[in-house]
N, C-alpha and C. Protein backbone atom coordinates (compact mmCIF):
# COMPACT_ATOMS: atom_id res chain seq x y z
N MET A 1 9.73 4.45 -60.57
CA MET A 1 8.29 4.32 -60.42
C MET A 1 7.74 3.05 -61.05
N ASN A 2 8.47 2.42 -61.96
CA ASN A 2 7.96 1.20 -62.58
C ASN A 2 7.70 0.10 -61.57
N ALA A 3 8.49 0.06 -60.49
CA ALA A 3 8.32 -0.99 -59.47
C ALA A 3 7.01 -0.84 -58.72
N LEU A 4 6.40 0.34 -58.76
CA LEU A 4 5.16 0.57 -58.03
C LEU A 4 3.91 0.20 -58.83
N LYS A 5 4.04 -0.16 -60.08
CA LYS A 5 2.88 -0.43 -60.92
C LYS A 5 2.10 -1.67 -60.49
N ASN A 6 2.76 -2.68 -60.01
CA ASN A 6 2.09 -3.90 -59.56
C ASN A 6 2.83 -4.39 -58.32
N SER A 7 2.55 -3.78 -57.19
CA SER A 7 3.25 -4.10 -55.95
C SER A 7 2.26 -4.23 -54.81
N VAL A 8 2.42 -5.30 -54.04
CA VAL A 8 1.53 -5.58 -52.91
C VAL A 8 2.39 -5.89 -51.69
N ARG A 9 2.02 -5.32 -50.54
CA ARG A 9 2.66 -5.65 -49.25
C ARG A 9 1.56 -6.05 -48.29
N LEU A 10 1.77 -7.18 -47.62
CA LEU A 10 0.79 -7.68 -46.66
C LEU A 10 1.50 -8.20 -45.42
N THR A 11 0.86 -8.02 -44.28
CA THR A 11 1.31 -8.63 -43.04
C THR A 11 0.12 -9.40 -42.49
N GLY A 12 0.35 -10.68 -42.17
CA GLY A 12 -0.75 -11.49 -41.67
C GLY A 12 -0.27 -12.81 -41.11
N PHE A 13 -1.23 -13.68 -40.82
CA PHE A 13 -0.98 -14.97 -40.20
C PHE A 13 -1.38 -16.09 -41.15
N LEU A 14 -0.54 -17.13 -41.24
CA LEU A 14 -0.85 -18.26 -42.10
C LEU A 14 -2.06 -19.01 -41.59
N GLY A 15 -2.95 -19.36 -42.51
CA GLY A 15 -4.17 -20.09 -42.16
C GLY A 15 -3.99 -21.59 -42.19
N SER A 16 -2.88 -22.07 -42.76
CA SER A 16 -2.61 -23.50 -42.83
C SER A 16 -1.12 -23.68 -43.06
N ASN A 17 -0.68 -24.93 -43.03
CA ASN A 17 0.70 -25.22 -43.38
C ASN A 17 0.85 -25.07 -44.89
N PRO A 18 2.02 -24.64 -45.37
CA PRO A 18 2.21 -24.48 -46.81
C PRO A 18 2.10 -25.82 -47.55
N GLU A 19 1.54 -25.76 -48.76
CA GLU A 19 1.50 -26.93 -49.65
C GLU A 19 2.64 -26.76 -50.64
N VAL A 20 3.57 -27.71 -50.65
CA VAL A 20 4.76 -27.60 -51.49
C VAL A 20 4.80 -28.78 -52.43
N LYS A 21 5.18 -28.50 -53.69
CA LYS A 21 5.35 -29.58 -54.66
C LYS A 21 6.44 -29.21 -55.64
N ALA A 22 7.06 -30.24 -56.19
CA ALA A 22 8.07 -30.04 -57.23
C ALA A 22 7.36 -30.13 -58.58
N ILE A 23 7.73 -29.21 -59.48
CA ILE A 23 7.14 -29.23 -60.82
C ILE A 23 8.27 -29.37 -61.84
N ASN A 24 8.00 -29.16 -63.09
CA ASN A 24 8.98 -29.34 -64.16
C ASN A 24 10.34 -28.78 -63.83
N ASP A 25 11.39 -29.46 -64.29
CA ASP A 25 12.78 -29.04 -64.11
C ASP A 25 13.17 -28.91 -62.64
N ASN A 26 12.56 -29.73 -61.78
CA ASN A 26 12.86 -29.72 -60.34
C ASN A 26 12.67 -28.37 -59.69
N LYS A 27 11.75 -27.57 -60.21
CA LYS A 27 11.44 -26.27 -59.61
C LYS A 27 10.38 -26.49 -58.54
N ASN A 28 10.56 -25.84 -57.39
CA ASN A 28 9.63 -25.99 -56.27
C ASN A 28 8.60 -24.87 -56.28
N LEU A 29 7.39 -25.24 -55.85
CA LEU A 29 6.27 -24.31 -55.76
C LEU A 29 5.61 -24.50 -54.40
N ALA A 30 5.38 -23.40 -53.68
CA ALA A 30 4.68 -23.47 -52.39
C ALA A 30 3.49 -22.53 -52.46
N ARG A 31 2.37 -23.01 -51.93
CA ARG A 31 1.15 -22.19 -51.83
C ARG A 31 0.67 -22.18 -50.39
N VAL A 32 0.19 -21.02 -49.97
CA VAL A 32 -0.38 -20.89 -48.63
C VAL A 32 -1.25 -19.63 -48.63
N SER A 33 -2.18 -19.56 -47.71
CA SER A 33 -3.00 -18.35 -47.59
C SER A 33 -2.70 -17.67 -46.26
N ILE A 34 -2.82 -16.34 -46.27
CA ILE A 34 -2.66 -15.59 -45.02
C ILE A 34 -3.91 -14.74 -44.80
N ALA A 35 -4.16 -14.50 -43.53
CA ALA A 35 -5.28 -13.64 -43.14
C ALA A 35 -4.72 -12.30 -42.70
N THR A 36 -5.33 -11.23 -43.20
CA THR A 36 -5.02 -9.89 -42.72
C THR A 36 -6.26 -9.36 -42.01
N HIS A 37 -6.05 -8.57 -40.98
CA HIS A 37 -7.14 -8.09 -40.16
C HIS A 37 -7.16 -6.55 -40.12
N THR A 38 -8.34 -5.99 -40.23
CA THR A 38 -8.53 -4.55 -40.10
C THR A 38 -9.59 -4.31 -39.03
N ARG A 39 -9.26 -3.45 -38.06
CA ARG A 39 -10.23 -3.12 -37.00
C ARG A 39 -10.84 -1.76 -37.29
N HIS A 40 -12.14 -1.65 -37.08
CA HIS A 40 -12.84 -0.39 -37.25
C HIS A 40 -14.09 -0.38 -36.37
N ARG A 41 -14.65 0.79 -36.20
CA ARG A 41 -15.89 0.92 -35.42
C ARG A 41 -17.08 0.78 -36.36
N ASN A 42 -18.08 0.02 -35.92
CA ASN A 42 -19.31 -0.11 -36.71
C ASN A 42 -20.24 1.07 -36.41
N SER A 43 -21.44 1.05 -36.97
CA SER A 43 -22.37 2.18 -36.79
C SER A 43 -22.83 2.35 -35.34
N ASP A 44 -22.70 1.28 -34.52
CA ASP A 44 -23.06 1.37 -33.10
C ASP A 44 -21.88 1.81 -32.23
N GLY A 45 -20.74 2.07 -32.85
CA GLY A 45 -19.57 2.50 -32.10
C GLY A 45 -18.76 1.36 -31.50
N GLU A 46 -19.11 0.11 -31.83
CA GLU A 46 -18.38 -1.05 -31.32
C GLU A 46 -17.25 -1.41 -32.28
N TRP A 47 -16.15 -1.88 -31.69
CA TRP A 47 -15.02 -2.31 -32.52
C TRP A 47 -15.34 -3.65 -33.17
N THR A 48 -15.08 -3.75 -34.47
CA THR A 48 -15.24 -5.00 -35.20
C THR A 48 -13.96 -5.27 -35.98
N THR A 49 -13.75 -6.52 -36.33
CA THR A 49 -12.58 -6.91 -37.10
C THR A 49 -13.02 -7.48 -38.43
N ASP A 50 -12.42 -6.98 -39.49
CA ASP A 50 -12.67 -7.47 -40.84
C ASP A 50 -11.46 -8.30 -41.25
N THR A 51 -11.69 -9.55 -41.62
CA THR A 51 -10.61 -10.44 -42.03
C THR A 51 -10.68 -10.70 -43.52
N GLN A 52 -9.54 -10.55 -44.19
CA GLN A 52 -9.42 -10.84 -45.62
C GLN A 52 -8.40 -11.96 -45.79
N TRP A 53 -8.67 -12.89 -46.70
CA TRP A 53 -7.76 -13.99 -47.00
C TRP A 53 -7.08 -13.75 -48.34
N HIS A 54 -5.77 -14.02 -48.40
CA HIS A 54 -4.97 -13.79 -49.59
C HIS A 54 -4.17 -15.05 -49.91
N ASN A 55 -4.15 -15.43 -51.18
CA ASN A 55 -3.40 -16.60 -51.63
C ASN A 55 -1.99 -16.18 -52.04
N LEU A 56 -0.99 -16.85 -51.46
CA LEU A 56 0.41 -16.55 -51.75
C LEU A 56 1.04 -17.69 -52.53
N VAL A 57 1.96 -17.35 -53.43
CA VAL A 57 2.71 -18.34 -54.20
C VAL A 57 4.19 -18.02 -54.06
N PHE A 58 4.99 -19.04 -53.73
CA PHE A 58 6.44 -18.92 -53.60
C PHE A 58 7.09 -19.89 -54.60
N TRP A 59 8.20 -19.48 -55.19
CA TRP A 59 8.90 -20.31 -56.17
C TRP A 59 10.34 -20.58 -55.73
N GLY A 60 10.90 -21.68 -56.22
CA GLY A 60 12.32 -21.98 -56.08
C GLY A 60 12.78 -22.12 -54.64
N LYS A 61 13.90 -21.46 -54.34
CA LYS A 61 14.49 -21.55 -53.00
C LYS A 61 13.58 -20.98 -51.93
N GLN A 62 12.78 -19.99 -52.28
CA GLN A 62 11.83 -19.45 -51.31
C GLN A 62 10.81 -20.51 -50.91
N ALA A 63 10.38 -21.33 -51.87
CA ALA A 63 9.42 -22.39 -51.58
C ALA A 63 10.01 -23.39 -50.59
N VAL A 64 11.27 -23.72 -50.75
CA VAL A 64 11.95 -24.64 -49.84
C VAL A 64 12.03 -24.02 -48.45
N PHE A 65 12.39 -22.74 -48.37
CA PHE A 65 12.45 -22.04 -47.09
C PHE A 65 11.09 -22.04 -46.40
N VAL A 66 10.04 -21.74 -47.17
CA VAL A 66 8.68 -21.69 -46.63
C VAL A 66 8.29 -23.04 -46.05
N GLU A 67 8.61 -24.11 -46.76
CA GLU A 67 8.27 -25.46 -46.29
C GLU A 67 8.95 -25.77 -44.96
N LYS A 68 10.19 -25.36 -44.81
CA LYS A 68 10.95 -25.67 -43.60
C LYS A 68 10.67 -24.72 -42.44
N SER A 69 10.27 -23.49 -42.73
CA SER A 69 10.23 -22.46 -41.70
C SER A 69 8.85 -21.99 -41.27
N LEU A 70 7.82 -22.22 -42.09
CA LEU A 70 6.50 -21.67 -41.78
C LEU A 70 5.49 -22.77 -41.49
N THR A 71 4.64 -22.49 -40.51
CA THR A 71 3.54 -23.39 -40.19
C THR A 71 2.29 -22.54 -39.93
N LYS A 72 1.18 -23.22 -39.83
CA LYS A 72 -0.08 -22.53 -39.54
C LYS A 72 0.10 -21.62 -38.33
N GLY A 73 -0.33 -20.36 -38.45
CA GLY A 73 -0.23 -19.40 -37.36
C GLY A 73 0.99 -18.51 -37.41
N SER A 74 1.98 -18.84 -38.26
CA SER A 74 3.17 -17.98 -38.38
C SER A 74 2.77 -16.60 -38.87
N GLU A 75 3.39 -15.56 -38.31
CA GLU A 75 3.13 -14.20 -38.76
C GLU A 75 4.25 -13.79 -39.72
N ILE A 76 3.85 -13.32 -40.92
CA ILE A 76 4.82 -12.93 -41.93
C ILE A 76 4.42 -11.62 -42.59
N THR A 77 5.41 -10.98 -43.20
CA THR A 77 5.18 -9.86 -44.10
C THR A 77 5.72 -10.27 -45.45
N VAL A 78 4.95 -10.01 -46.50
CA VAL A 78 5.39 -10.36 -47.85
C VAL A 78 5.26 -9.14 -48.76
N GLU A 79 6.08 -9.14 -49.79
CA GLU A 79 5.96 -8.16 -50.86
C GLU A 79 6.02 -8.94 -52.16
N GLY A 80 5.14 -8.59 -53.08
CA GLY A 80 5.11 -9.29 -54.35
C GLY A 80 4.23 -8.57 -55.34
N LYS A 81 3.77 -9.33 -56.35
CA LYS A 81 2.91 -8.74 -57.36
C LYS A 81 1.64 -9.56 -57.51
N LEU A 82 0.56 -8.88 -57.90
CA LEU A 82 -0.71 -9.56 -58.13
C LEU A 82 -0.66 -10.30 -59.45
N VAL A 83 -1.17 -11.53 -59.43
CA VAL A 83 -1.25 -12.35 -60.63
C VAL A 83 -2.67 -12.88 -60.73
N ASN A 84 -3.31 -12.63 -61.86
CA ASN A 84 -4.65 -13.16 -62.12
C ASN A 84 -4.52 -14.27 -63.14
N ARG A 85 -5.18 -15.39 -62.88
CA ARG A 85 -5.14 -16.51 -63.84
C ARG A 85 -6.50 -17.20 -63.83
N GLN A 86 -6.69 -18.04 -64.82
CA GLN A 86 -7.92 -18.81 -64.90
C GLN A 86 -7.58 -20.23 -65.31
N TYR A 87 -8.46 -21.16 -64.94
CA TYR A 87 -8.30 -22.55 -65.30
C TYR A 87 -9.68 -23.18 -65.39
N VAL A 88 -9.75 -24.35 -66.02
CA VAL A 88 -11.00 -25.09 -66.12
C VAL A 88 -10.92 -26.25 -65.14
N ASP A 89 -11.89 -26.33 -64.21
CA ASP A 89 -11.87 -27.39 -63.20
C ASP A 89 -12.35 -28.72 -63.79
N LYS A 90 -12.39 -29.75 -62.97
CA LYS A 90 -12.74 -31.10 -63.41
C LYS A 90 -14.15 -31.20 -63.96
N THR A 91 -15.03 -30.28 -63.55
CA THR A 91 -16.41 -30.31 -64.04
C THR A 91 -16.61 -29.44 -65.28
N GLY A 92 -15.53 -28.82 -65.77
CA GLY A 92 -15.62 -28.00 -66.97
C GLY A 92 -15.95 -26.55 -66.73
N VAL A 93 -15.97 -26.12 -65.45
CA VAL A 93 -16.28 -24.74 -65.11
C VAL A 93 -14.98 -23.92 -65.09
N THR A 94 -15.02 -22.75 -65.72
CA THR A 94 -13.87 -21.86 -65.70
C THR A 94 -13.80 -21.15 -64.35
N ARG A 95 -12.66 -21.26 -63.70
CA ARG A 95 -12.42 -20.63 -62.39
C ARG A 95 -11.39 -19.53 -62.55
N TYR A 96 -11.56 -18.47 -61.76
CA TYR A 96 -10.64 -17.34 -61.78
C TYR A 96 -9.97 -17.22 -60.41
N VAL A 97 -8.66 -16.97 -60.42
CA VAL A 97 -7.89 -16.92 -59.18
C VAL A 97 -7.01 -15.67 -59.19
N THR A 98 -6.95 -14.99 -58.05
CA THR A 98 -6.00 -13.89 -57.86
C THR A 98 -5.03 -14.31 -56.76
N GLU A 99 -3.75 -14.23 -57.07
CA GLU A 99 -2.70 -14.65 -56.13
C GLU A 99 -1.64 -13.56 -56.03
N ILE A 100 -0.84 -13.66 -54.99
CA ILE A 100 0.32 -12.80 -54.85
C ILE A 100 1.56 -13.65 -55.09
N SER A 101 2.29 -13.34 -56.13
CA SER A 101 3.56 -14.00 -56.39
C SER A 101 4.60 -13.29 -55.53
N VAL A 102 5.06 -13.98 -54.49
CA VAL A 102 5.90 -13.36 -53.46
C VAL A 102 7.33 -13.23 -53.95
N GLN A 103 7.88 -12.02 -53.78
CA GLN A 103 9.27 -11.75 -54.13
C GLN A 103 10.13 -11.57 -52.89
N GLU A 104 9.55 -11.02 -51.82
CA GLU A 104 10.27 -10.81 -50.56
C GLU A 104 9.43 -11.36 -49.41
N LEU A 105 10.10 -11.95 -48.42
CA LEU A 105 9.43 -12.54 -47.27
C LEU A 105 10.18 -12.16 -46.01
N LEU A 106 9.43 -11.76 -44.98
CA LEU A 106 10.00 -11.46 -43.67
C LEU A 106 9.21 -12.26 -42.65
N LEU A 107 9.88 -13.11 -41.91
CA LEU A 107 9.25 -13.91 -40.86
C LEU A 107 9.22 -13.07 -39.59
N LEU A 108 8.01 -12.79 -39.07
CA LEU A 108 7.86 -11.94 -37.90
C LEU A 108 7.78 -12.72 -36.59
N SER A 109 7.35 -13.96 -36.67
CA SER A 109 7.28 -14.77 -35.45
C SER A 109 7.81 -16.16 -35.76
N ARG A 110 8.26 -16.82 -34.74
CA ARG A 110 8.76 -18.17 -34.91
C ARG A 110 7.61 -19.13 -35.12
N LYS A 111 7.94 -20.37 -35.46
CA LYS A 111 6.92 -21.38 -35.60
C LYS A 111 6.15 -21.52 -34.31
N PRO A 112 4.83 -21.58 -34.38
CA PRO A 112 4.06 -21.82 -33.14
C PRO A 112 4.41 -23.18 -32.55
N GLU A 113 4.37 -23.27 -31.24
CA GLU A 113 4.62 -24.55 -30.57
C GLU A 113 3.51 -25.51 -30.90
N GLU A 114 3.86 -26.78 -31.09
CA GLU A 114 2.84 -27.77 -31.44
C GLU A 114 2.30 -28.45 -30.22
């Protein structure tokens, strides 16, 4: 049951190409956001779609795979854990970020044709 304490699974579509960079000790980091969609009926009985955006973080070999294999529009399923962090931006304002640190990745569709 310990594995269920901080576990997230999402299936969605990439909103952009992954941003990849090398950081200390030649460790790779990739960031990308995915959109998840939920359909429901509104009060008038019409179908509407609710879209939520989620920030994903990949480390190490996964980051390299993401850079080579994923592009905007790719459909993926991820499993990971929620990470909350804060930082001070260039103007001195404290910003808060919630991300999913991805541990497992499943590619559901191939790269979209360019």
